[in-house]
Amino acid sequence: MSILSIQSSVAVGHVGNSAAVFPLQRLGFEVWAVPTVLFSNHPGYDSHAGAAVPIETMRAMVDGIDNLDHFAHCEAILSGYLGNVKAGRFVLETVERIKGINKDTLYFCDPVVGDMTRRLYVKDEVAAFVRDELVQHADILAPNAFELKYLSGRSQETLSDAMFAADALRARGPKTILITSLRGRKGNTPTLSNVIVSDQGAWRVTVPQRALRAKGTGDTFAALFLAHHLRGETAQQALELATSTLYGIIDDTLRHDSDELRLIDAQAEYLHPSFYIDAVRIG
């Protein structure tokens, strides 16, 4: 089982492909990683260096994979951080190219444009391209709470608001919306919820919010969900397993006071999560 993953890559730390590849491999997938940018580390540090990958280089990599006749066996395309509009157009070109060879290939779009703390952290034209062009081609779309509001144009004060926003996005093309990091409270405890909305229904998994400084949780979660989905789990089960696994990795990261997610050290979590958090049906 093979996945083409088009997103950022860093030398130090775990974001983008540097967060997604190992979990996918540990769960049994070959990953063809094509970088959109090459950075020394993620921009959450005080400094970082690197550059966007030229589109010609990205296209040459995809051409090379195609020349090996591998796309007939491509289970999914995963896209994340783009860097510029040209990279977005390249993703669309690649999705159409591979689906032309294998119509059953799934396109999982992680629309990495911003979050609640930093708002938009890509250029306006990149965010607009994701909203106006990329979304409609996705089979599964995985926005965080901020991205859900930006992409749908709907505010989310309640869970019902988020559900309506998800349905608005589903009306534009994606069959499934996977919402991450919806904030809430359980008594005095801040919580985060992941929600999935599809034709089969809607489910929510809620965990306590943890004070984590490591980045890359969204990229890791997207990879985990995609892997479990492709392994044949139901939407509910994939949501439970991805959330439970990530929560175990976060717990391990916090216990070791690490600046980066301990994706390698905590790899036992991929197959045997320390926590199992059940989903609740909400629709």
C-alpha atoms as a PDB file:
ATOM      1  CA  MET A   1       0.000   0.000   0.000  1.00  0.00           C
ATOM      2  CA  SER A   2       1.529   3.302  -1.081  1.00  0.00           C
ATOM      3  CA  ILE A   3       0.818   6.962  -0.370  1.00  0.00           C
ATOM      4  CA  LEU A   4       2.130  10.046  -2.166  1.00  0.00           C
ATOM      5  CA  SER A   5       2.669  12.767   0.452  1.00  0.00           C
ATOM      6  CA  ILE A   6       3.230  16.337  -0.787  1.00  0.00           C
ATOM      7  CA  GLN A   7       4.057  18.733   2.047  1.00  0.00           C
ATOM      8  CA  SER A   8       6.882  20.484   3.879  1.00  0.00           C
ATOM      9  CA  SER A   9      10.025  18.787   5.134  1.00  0.00           C
ATOM     10  CA  VAL A  10      12.346  19.849   7.945  1.00  0.00           C
ATOM     11  CA  ALA A  11      15.801  18.588   8.916  1.00  0.00           C
ATOM     12  CA  VAL A  12      15.146  18.993  12.658  1.00  0.00           C
ATOM     13  CA  GLY A  13      11.823  18.176  14.275  1.00  0.00           C
ATOM     14  CA  HIS A  14       8.522  16.745  13.159  1.00  0.00           C
ATOM     15  CA  VAL A  15       6.175  18.774  10.975  1.00  0.00           C
ATOM     16  CA  GLY A  16       4.857  18.145   7.462  1.00  0.00           C
ATOM     17  CA  ASN A  17       6.367  15.079   5.847  1.00  0.00           C
ATOM     18  CA  SER A  18       8.812  14.913   8.742  1.00  0.00           C
ATOM     19  CA  ALA A  19       5.784  14.233  10.961  1.00  0.00           C
ATOM     20  CA  ALA A  20       3.693  12.127   8.591  1.00  0.00           C
ATOM     21  CA  VAL A  21       6.104   9.686   6.981  1.00  0.00           C
ATOM     22  CA  PHE A  22       7.202   7.594   9.953  1.00  0.00           C
ATOM     23  CA  PRO A  23       3.706   7.026  11.399  1.00  0.00           C
ATOM     24  CA  LEU A  24       2.487   5.967   7.958  1.00  0.00           C
ATOM     25  CA  GLN A  25       5.431   3.620   7.537  1.00  0.00           C
ATOM     26  CA  ARG A  26       4.986   2.197  11.042  1.00  0.00           C
ATOM     27  CA  LEU A  27       1.369   1.404  10.160  1.00  0.00           C
ATOM     28  CA  GLY A  28       2.402  -0.493   7.035  1.00  0.00           C
ATOM     29  CA  PHE A  29       2.530   1.981   4.152  1.00  0.00           C
ATOM     30  CA  GLU A  30       5.172   2.854   1.601  1.00  0.00           C
ATOM     31  CA  VAL A  31       5.398   6.649   1.432  1.00  0.00           C
ATOM     32  CA  TRP A  32       6.604   8.627  -1.560  1.00  0.00           C
ATOM     33  CA  ALA A  33       7.520  11.946   0.042  1.00  0.00           C
ATOM     34  CA  VAL A  34       7.667  14.999  -2.221  1.00  0.00           C
ATOM     35  CA  PRO A  35       8.661  18.210  -0.367  1.00  0.00           C
ATOM     36  CA  THR A  36       7.055  21.590  -1.015  1.00  0.00           C
ATOM     37  CA  VAL A  37       9.631  23.421   1.115  1.00  0.00           C
ATOM     38  CA  LEU A  38      12.915  22.342   2.707  1.00  0.00           C
ATOM     39  CA  PHE A  39      13.597  24.021   6.046  1.00  0.00           C
ATOM     40  CA  SER A  40      16.196  23.491   8.751  1.00  0.00           C
ATOM     41  CA  ASN A  41      13.370  23.347  11.312  1.00  0.00           C
ATOM     42  CA  HIS A  42       9.773  24.500  11.663  1.00  0.00           C
ATOM     43  CA  PRO A  43       9.119  28.277  11.921  1.00  0.00           C
ATOM     44  CA  GLY A  44       7.960  27.932  15.535  1.00  0.00           C
ATOM     45  CA  TYR A  45      11.595  28.269  16.615  1.00  0.00           C
ATOM     46  CA  ASP A  46      13.297  31.676  16.923  1.00  0.00           C
ATOM     47  CA  SER A  47      14.916  31.127  13.526  1.00  0.00           C
ATOM     48  CA  HIS A  48      14.776  28.811  10.569  1.00  0.00           C
ATOM     49  CA  ALA A  49      16.397  28.628   7.147  1.00  0.00           C
ATOM     50  CA  GLY A  50      15.639  27.002   3.842  1.00  0.00           C
ATOM     51  CA  ALA A  51      13.560  27.592   0.735  1.00  0.00           C
ATOM     52  CA  ALA A  52      10.623  26.478  -1.333  1.00  0.00           C
ATOM     53  CA  VAL A  53      11.311  23.546  -3.629  1.00  0.00           C
ATOM     54  CA  PRO A  54      11.140  24.550  -7.316  1.00  0.00           C
ATOM     55  CA  ILE A  55       8.046  23.212  -9.047  1.00  0.00           C
ATOM     56  CA  GLU A  56      10.290  21.739 -11.731  1.00  0.00           C
ATOM     57  CA  THR A  57      11.986  19.593  -9.083  1.00  0.00           C
ATOM     58  CA  MET A  58       8.675  18.473  -7.580  1.00  0.00           C
ATOM     59  CA  ARG A  59       7.319  17.592 -11.024  1.00  0.00           C
ATOM     60  CA  ALA A  60      10.489  15.707 -11.920  1.00  0.00           C
ATOM     61  CA  MET A  61      10.107  13.605  -8.769  1.00  0.00           C
ATOM     62  CA  VAL A  62       6.502  12.773  -9.653  1.00  0.00           C
ATOM     63  CA  ASP A  63       7.500  12.035 -13.249  1.00  0.00           C
ATOM     64  CA  GLY A  64      10.134   9.646 -11.963  1.00  0.00           C
ATOM     65  CA  ILE A  65       7.597   7.784  -9.818  1.00  0.00           C
ATOM     66  CA  ASP A  66       5.223   7.621 -12.777  1.00  0.00           C
ATOM     67  CA  ASN A  67       7.991   6.208 -14.993  1.00  0.00           C
ATOM     68  CA  LEU A  68       8.184   3.290 -12.566  1.00  0.00           C
ATOM     69  CA  ASP A  69       4.472   2.608 -13.183  1.00  0.00           C
ATOM     70  CA  HIS A  70       3.768   3.012  -9.464  1.00  0.00           C
ATOM     71  CA  PHE A  71       0.691   5.210  -9.659  1.00  0.00           C
ATOM     72  CA  ALA A  72      -1.576   2.294 -10.505  1.00  0.00           C
ATOM     73  CA  HIS A  73      -0.891   1.148  -6.929  1.00  0.00           C
ATOM     74  CA  CYS A  74      -1.236   4.544  -5.217  1.00  0.00           C
ATOM     75  CA  GLU A  75      -3.779   4.233  -2.406  1.00  0.00           C
ATOM     76  CA  ALA A  76      -3.885   7.925  -1.512  1.00  0.00           C
ATOM     77  CA  ILE A  77      -2.454  11.394  -2.068  1.00  0.00           C
ATOM     78  CA  LEU A  78      -1.866  13.449   1.073  1.00  0.00           C
ATOM     79  CA  SER A  79      -1.202  17.176   0.800  1.00  0.00           C
ATOM     80  CA  GLY A  80      -0.296  19.648   3.539  1.00  0.00           C
ATOM     81  CA  TYR A  81       1.729  22.862   3.737  1.00  0.00           C
ATOM     82  CA  LEU A  82       2.206  24.347   0.283  1.00  0.00           C
ATOM     83  CA  GLY A  83       4.370  27.455   0.567  1.00  0.00           C
ATOM     84  CA  ASN A  84       3.072  29.137  -2.596  1.00  0.00           C
ATOM     85  CA  VAL A  85       0.241  29.014  -5.121  1.00  0.00           C
ATOM     86  CA  LYS A  86       2.418  27.218  -7.677  1.00  0.00           C
ATOM     87  CA  ALA A  87       2.725  24.316  -5.265  1.00  0.00           C
ATOM     88  CA  GLY A  88      -1.056  24.281  -4.904  1.00  0.00           C
ATOM     89  CA  ARG A  89      -1.531  24.105  -8.664  1.00  0.00           C
ATOM     90  CA  PHE A  90       1.039  21.302  -8.777  1.00  0.00           C
ATOM     91  CA  VAL A  91      -0.972  19.346  -6.193  1.00  0.00           C
ATOM     92  CA  LEU A  92      -4.134  19.683  -8.289  1.00  0.00           C
ATOM     93  CA  GLU A  93      -2.245  18.664 -11.427  1.00  0.00           C
ATOM     94  CA  THR A  94      -0.874  15.611  -9.619  1.00  0.00           C
ATOM     95  CA  VAL A  95      -4.246  14.589  -8.170  1.00  0.00           C
ATOM     96  CA  GLU A  96      -5.848  14.721 -11.611  1.00  0.00           C
ATOM     97  CA  ARG A  97      -2.905  12.851 -13.136  1.00  0.00           C
ATOM     98  CA  ILE A  98      -2.992   9.987 -10.638  1.00  0.00           C
ATOM     99  CA  LYS A  99      -6.779   9.697 -10.562  1.00  0.00           C
ATOM    100  CA  GLY A 100      -6.599   9.436 -14.344  1.00  0.00           C
ATOM    101  CA  ILE A 101      -4.496   6.308 -13.879  1.00  0.00           C
ATOM    102  CA  ASN A 102      -6.239   4.974 -10.768  1.00  0.00           C
ATOM    103  CA  LYS A 103      -9.701   6.409 -10.167  1.00  0.00           C
ATOM    104  CA  ASP A 104      -9.842   4.776  -6.723  1.00  0.00           C
ATOM    105  CA  THR A 105      -6.928   6.820  -5.379  1.00  0.00           C
ATOM    106  CA  LEU A 106      -8.087   8.891  -2.395  1.00  0.00           C
ATOM    107  CA  TYR A 107      -7.152  12.563  -2.069  1.00  0.00           C
ATOM    108  CA  PHE A 108      -6.717  13.641   1.572  1.00  0.00           C
ATOM    109  CA  CYS A 109      -6.275  17.418   1.858  1.00  0.00           C
ATOM    110  CA  ASP A 110      -4.895  18.893   5.078  1.00  0.00           C
ATOM    111  CA  PRO A 111      -5.528  22.602   4.387  1.00  0.00           C
ATOM    112  CA  VAL A 112      -2.584  24.016   6.325  1.00  0.00           C
ATOM    113  CA  VAL A 113      -3.246  27.766   6.301  1.00  0.00           C
ATOM    114  CA  GLY A 114      -3.510  28.852   9.952  1.00  0.00           C
ATOM    115  CA  ASP A 115      -4.611  28.207  13.510  1.00  0.00           C
ATOM    116  CA  MET A 116      -6.297  29.910  16.447  1.00  0.00           C
ATOM    117  CA  THR A 117      -3.049  31.234  17.914  1.00  0.00           C
ATOM    118  CA  ARG A 118      -1.356  32.628  14.808  1.00  0.00           C
ATOM    119  CA  ARG A 119      -4.362  32.993  12.492  1.00  0.00           C
ATOM    120  CA  LEU A 120      -3.280  32.854   8.838  1.00  0.00           C
ATOM    121  CA  TYR A 121       0.381  31.883   8.620  1.00  0.00           C
ATOM    122  CA  VAL A 122       0.574  31.553   4.848  1.00  0.00           C
ATOM    123  CA  LYS A 123       0.278  34.306   2.277  1.00  0.00           C
ATOM    124  CA  ASP A 124      -3.261  35.487   1.563  1.00  0.00           C
ATOM    125  CA  GLU A 125      -3.134  34.195  -2.008  1.00  0.00           C
ATOM    126  CA  VAL A 126      -2.132  30.716  -0.816  1.00  0.00           C
ATOM    127  CA  ALA A 127      -4.976  30.573   1.694  1.00  0.00           C
ATOM    128  CA  ALA A 128      -7.422  31.789  -0.958  1.00  0.00           C
ATOM    129  CA  PHE A 129      -6.210  29.126  -3.397  1.00  0.00           C
ATOM    130  CA  VAL A 130      -6.785  26.387  -0.834  1.00  0.00           C
ATOM    131  CA  ARG A 131     -10.264  27.749  -0.090  1.00  0.00           C
ATOM    132  CA  ASP A 132     -11.367  28.432  -3.657  1.00  0.00           C
ATOM    133  CA  GLU A 133      -9.574  25.740  -5.670  1.00  0.00           C
ATOM    134  CA  LEU A 134      -8.171  22.884  -3.611  1.00  0.00           C
ATOM    135  CA  VAL A 135     -11.101  22.107  -1.294  1.00  0.00           C
ATOM    136  CA  GLN A 136     -13.511  20.991  -3.990  1.00  0.00           C
ATOM    137  CA  HIS A 137     -11.130  18.275  -5.227  1.00  0.00           C
ATOM    138  CA  ALA A 138     -10.591  16.593  -1.847  1.00  0.00           C
ATOM    139  CA  ASP A 139     -12.216  13.309  -0.858  1.00  0.00           C
ATOM    140  CA  ILE A 140     -11.323  13.933   2.790  1.00  0.00           C
ATOM    141  CA  LEU A 141     -10.704  17.460   4.086  1.00  0.00           C
ATOM    142  CA  ALA A 142      -9.106  17.919   7.513  1.00  0.00           C
ATOM    143  CA  PRO A 143      -9.304  21.535   8.752  1.00  0.00           C
ATOM    144  CA  ASN A 144      -8.588  22.629  12.301  1.00  0.00           C
ATOM    145  CA  ALA A 145     -11.153  24.882  13.984  1.00  0.00           C
ATOM    146  CA  PHE A 146      -9.660  28.084  12.567  1.00  0.00           C
ATOM    147  CA  GLU A 147      -9.363  26.632   9.059  1.00  0.00           C
ATOM    148  CA  LEU A 148     -12.951  25.382   9.203  1.00  0.00           C
ATOM    149  CA  LYS A 149     -14.137  28.942   9.803  1.00  0.00           C
ATOM    150  CA  TYR A 150     -11.874  30.368   7.104  1.00  0.00           C
ATOM    151  CA  LEU A 151     -12.764  27.797   4.449  1.00  0.00           C
ATOM    152  CA  SER A 152     -16.509  27.774   5.100  1.00  0.00           C
ATOM    153  CA  GLY A 153     -17.004  31.454   5.930  1.00  0.00           C
ATOM    154  CA  ARG A 154     -19.059  30.401   8.968  1.00  0.00           C
ATOM    155  CA  SER A 155     -18.326  31.246  12.588  1.00  0.00           C
ATOM    156  CA  GLN A 156     -18.329  28.420  15.132  1.00  0.00           C
ATOM    157  CA  GLU A 157     -19.660  29.284  18.556  1.00  0.00           C
ATOM    158  CA  THR A 158     -21.142  25.830  19.167  1.00  0.00           C
ATOM    159  CA  LEU A 159     -20.716  22.241  18.018  1.00  0.00           C
ATOM    160  CA  SER A 160     -23.844  22.667  15.880  1.00  0.00           C
ATOM    161  CA  ASP A 161     -22.173  25.624  14.129  1.00  0.00           C
ATOM    162  CA  ALA A 162     -19.164  23.428  13.332  1.00  0.00           C
ATOM    163  CA  MET A 163     -21.457  20.714  11.961  1.00  0.00           C
ATOM    164  CA  PHE A 164     -23.227  23.228   9.692  1.00  0.00           C
ATOM    165  CA  ALA A 165     -19.834  24.520   8.501  1.00  0.00           C
ATOM    166  CA  ALA A 166     -18.734  20.951   7.750  1.00  0.00           C
ATOM    167  CA  ASP A 167     -21.892  20.322   5.746  1.00  0.00           C
ATOM    168  CA  ALA A 168     -21.310  23.555   3.816  1.00  0.00           C
ATOM    169  CA  LEU A 169     -17.851  22.295   2.847  1.00  0.00           C
ATOM    170  CA  ARG A 170     -19.190  18.827   1.984  1.00  0.00           C
ATOM    171  CA  ALA A 171     -21.630  20.479  -0.416  1.00  0.00           C
ATOM    172  CA  ARG A 172     -18.578  21.768  -2.327  1.00  0.00           C
ATOM    173  CA  GLY A 173     -17.109  18.310  -2.966  1.00  0.00           C
ATOM    174  CA  PRO A 174     -15.367  16.528  -0.087  1.00  0.00           C
ATOM    175  CA  LYS A 175     -17.251  13.437   1.094  1.00  0.00           C
ATOM    176  CA  THR A 176     -15.752  13.593   4.564  1.00  0.00           C
ATOM    177  CA  ILE A 177     -14.768  16.485   6.820  1.00  0.00           C
ATOM    178  CA  LEU A 178     -12.378  15.762   9.675  1.00  0.00           C
ATOM    179  CA  ILE A 179     -12.314  18.699  12.103  1.00  0.00           C
ATOM    180  CA  THR A 180      -9.485  18.955  14.613  1.00  0.00           C
ATOM    181  CA  SER A 181      -8.897  21.001  17.754  1.00  0.00           C
ATOM    182  CA  LEU A 182     -12.393  22.235  18.553  1.00  0.00           C
ATOM    183  CA  ARG A 183     -12.075  23.939  21.919  1.00  0.00           C
ATOM    184  CA  GLY A 184     -14.438  23.287  24.795  1.00  0.00           C
ATOM    185  CA  ARG A 185     -14.628  22.635  28.527  1.00  0.00           C
ATOM    186  CA  LYS A 186     -15.592  19.776  30.773  1.00  0.00           C
ATOM    187  CA  GLY A 187     -16.185  21.351  34.151  1.00  0.00           C
ATOM    188  CA  ASN A 188     -13.059  23.401  34.832  1.00  0.00           C
ATOM    189  CA  THR A 189     -10.915  21.419  32.378  1.00  0.00           C
ATOM    190  CA  PRO A 190     -10.236  22.853  28.888  1.00  0.00           C
ATOM    191  CA  THR A 191     -10.784  20.228  26.192  1.00  0.00           C
ATOM    192  CA  LEU A 192     -10.070  19.649  22.530  1.00  0.00           C
ATOM    193  CA  SER A 193     -12.342  17.627  20.260  1.00  0.00           C
ATOM    194  CA  ASN A 194     -11.816  15.950  16.904  1.00  0.00           C
ATOM    195  CA  VAL A 195     -14.990  15.513  14.869  1.00  0.00           C
ATOM    196  CA  ILE A 196     -15.714  13.571  11.702  1.00  0.00           C
ATOM    197  CA  VAL A 197     -18.713  14.278   9.471  1.00  0.00           C
ATOM    198  CA  SER A 198     -19.608  12.022   6.529  1.00  0.00           C
ATOM    199  CA  ASP A 199     -22.586  10.378   4.831  1.00  0.00           C
ATOM    200  CA  GLN A 200     -22.403   7.653   7.491  1.00  0.00           C
ATOM    201  CA  GLY A 201     -22.924  10.118  10.350  1.00  0.00           C
ATOM    202  CA  ALA A 202     -20.879  12.251  12.718  1.00  0.00           C
ATOM    203  CA  TRP A 203     -18.721  11.383  15.730  1.00  0.00           C
ATOM    204  CA  ARG A 204     -16.686  13.325  18.265  1.00  0.00           C
ATOM    205  CA  VAL A 205     -13.696  12.349  20.401  1.00  0.00           C
ATOM    206  CA  THR A 206     -12.758  14.690  23.252  1.00  0.00           C
ATOM    207  CA  VAL A 207      -9.530  14.817  25.264  1.00  0.00           C
ATOM    208  CA  PRO A 208      -8.157  17.170  27.941  1.00  0.00           C
ATOM    209  CA  GLN A 209      -6.175  20.052  26.480  1.00  0.00           C
ATOM    210  CA  ARG A 210      -2.461  19.709  27.320  1.00  0.00           C
ATOM    211  CA  ALA A 211       0.132  22.491  27.492  1.00  0.00           C
ATOM    212  CA  LEU A 212       2.305  21.311  24.608  1.00  0.00           C
ATOM    213  CA  ARG A 213       5.064  23.369  22.988  1.00  0.00           C
ATOM    214  CA  ALA A 214       5.945  20.769  20.322  1.00  0.00           C
ATOM    215  CA  LYS A 215       4.527  21.371  16.827  1.00  0.00           C
ATOM    216  CA  GLY A 216       3.243  18.932  14.216  1.00  0.00           C
ATOM    217  CA  THR A 217       0.250  17.408  16.001  1.00  0.00           C
ATOM    218  CA  GLY A 218      -2.088  18.230  13.106  1.00  0.00           C
ATOM    219  CA  ASP A 219       0.254  16.722  10.507  1.00  0.00           C
ATOM    220  CA  THR A 220       0.675  13.597  12.635  1.00  0.00           C
ATOM    221  CA  PHE A 221      -3.050  13.252  13.262  1.00  0.00           C
ATOM    222  CA  ALA A 222      -3.834  13.529   9.538  1.00  0.00           C
ATOM    223  CA  ALA A 223      -1.351  10.744   8.770  1.00  0.00           C
ATOM    224  CA  LEU A 224      -2.709   8.516  11.544  1.00  0.00           C
ATOM    225  CA  PHE A 225      -6.320   8.954  10.462  1.00  0.00           C
ATOM    226  CA  LEU A 226      -5.499   8.346   6.804  1.00  0.00           C
ATOM    227  CA  ALA A 227      -3.569   5.176   7.662  1.00  0.00           C
ATOM    228  CA  HIS A 228      -6.389   3.708   9.732  1.00  0.00           C
ATOM    229  CA  HIS A 229      -8.955   4.688   7.102  1.00  0.00           C
ATOM    230  CA  LEU A 230      -6.950   2.908   4.393  1.00  0.00           C
ATOM    231  CA  ARG A 231      -6.490  -0.118   6.652  1.00  0.00           C
ATOM    232  CA  GLY A 232     -10.256  -0.566   6.533  1.00  0.00           C
ATOM    233  CA  GLU A 233     -11.377   0.930   9.839  1.00  0.00           C
ATOM    234  CA  THR A 234     -14.742   2.683   9.991  1.00  0.00           C
ATOM    235  CA  ALA A 235     -14.766   6.464  10.280  1.00  0.00           C
ATOM    236  CA  GLN A 236     -15.546   6.134  13.993  1.00  0.00           C
ATOM    237  CA  GLN A 237     -12.746   3.628  14.596  1.00  0.00           C
ATOM    238  CA  ALA A 238     -10.196   5.638  12.592  1.00  0.00           C
ATOM    239  CA  LEU A 239     -11.105   8.730  14.602  1.00  0.00           C
ATOM    240  CA  GLU A 240     -10.734   6.854  17.893  1.00  0.00           C
ATOM    241  CA  LEU A 241      -7.435   5.220  16.962  1.00  0.00           C
ATOM    242  CA  ALA A 242      -5.850   8.378  15.528  1.00  0.00           C
ATOM    243  CA  THR A 243      -6.877  10.477  18.522  1.00  0.00           C
ATOM    244  CA  SER A 244      -5.848   7.839  21.064  1.00  0.00           C
ATOM    245  CA  THR A 245      -2.453   7.304  19.408  1.00  0.00           C
ATOM    246  CA  LEU A 246      -1.691  11.011  19.184  1.00  0.00           C
ATOM    247  CA  TYR A 247      -2.775  11.569  22.787  1.00  0.00           C
ATOM    248  CA  GLY A 248      -0.347   8.848  23.892  1.00  0.00           C
ATOM    249  CA  ILE A 249       2.474  10.468  21.902  1.00  0.00           C
ATOM    250  CA  ILE A 250       1.640  13.867  23.422  1.00  0.00           C
ATOM    251  CA  ASP A 251       1.627  12.359  26.913  1.00  0.00           C
ATOM    252  CA  ASP A 252       5.039  10.771  26.297  1.00  0.00           C
ATOM    253  CA  THR A 253       6.361  14.061  24.879  1.00  0.00           C
ATOM    254  CA  LEU A 254       5.221  16.012  27.940  1.00  0.00           C
ATOM    255  CA  ARG A 255       6.586  13.462  30.393  1.00  0.00           C
ATOM    256  CA  HIS A 256      10.011  13.808  28.763  1.00  0.00           C
ATOM    257  CA  ASP A 257       9.747  17.627  28.511  1.00  0.00           C
ATOM    258  CA  SER A 258      10.617  17.453  24.811  1.00  0.00           C
ATOM    259  CA  ASP A 259      10.594  20.369  22.379  1.00  0.00           C
ATOM    260  CA  GLU A 260       9.548  17.985  19.598  1.00  0.00           C
ATOM    261  CA  LEU A 261       6.946  15.221  19.377  1.00  0.00           C
ATOM    262  CA  ARG A 262       8.557  11.912  20.335  1.00  0.00           C
ATOM    263  CA  LEU A 263       7.314  10.147  17.216  1.00  0.00           C
ATOM    264  CA  ILE A 264      10.194   7.678  17.176  1.00  0.00           C
ATOM    265  CA  ASP A 265      10.629   7.016  20.893  1.00  0.00           C
ATOM    266  CA  ALA A 266       6.892   6.563  21.421  1.00  0.00           C
ATOM    267  CA  GLN A 267       6.366   4.359  18.373  1.00  0.00           C
ATOM    268  CA  ALA A 268       4.703   1.621  20.431  1.00  0.00           C
ATOM    269  CA  GLU A 269       1.683   3.944  20.529  1.00  0.00           C
ATOM    270  CA  TYR A 270       0.984   3.337  16.820  1.00  0.00           C
ATOM    271  CA  LEU A 271       0.039  -0.289  17.333  1.00  0.00           C
ATOM    272  CA  HIS A 272      -0.894  -0.341  21.034  1.00  0.00           C
ATOM    273  CA  PRO A 273      -2.135   3.074  22.259  1.00  0.00           C
ATOM    274  CA  SER A 274      -1.682   3.632  25.998  1.00  0.00           C
ATOM    275  CA  PHE A 275      -5.045   5.391  26.050  1.00  0.00           C
ATOM    276  CA  TYR A 276      -8.181   4.398  24.160  1.00  0.00           C
ATOM    277  CA  ILE A 277     -10.693   7.207  23.886  1.00  0.00           C
ATOM    278  CA  ASP A 278     -14.136   6.312  22.627  1.00  0.00           C
ATOM    279  CA  ALA A 279     -16.039   8.405  20.108  1.00  0.00           C
ATOM    280  CA  VAL A 280     -19.542   9.689  20.777  1.00  0.00           C
ATOM    281  CA  ARG A 281     -22.073   9.779  17.960  1.00  0.00           C
ATOM    282  CA  ILE A 282     -23.383  13.325  17.443  1.00  0.00           C
ATOM    283  CA  GLY A 283     -25.227  13.052  14.147  1.00  0.00           C
END
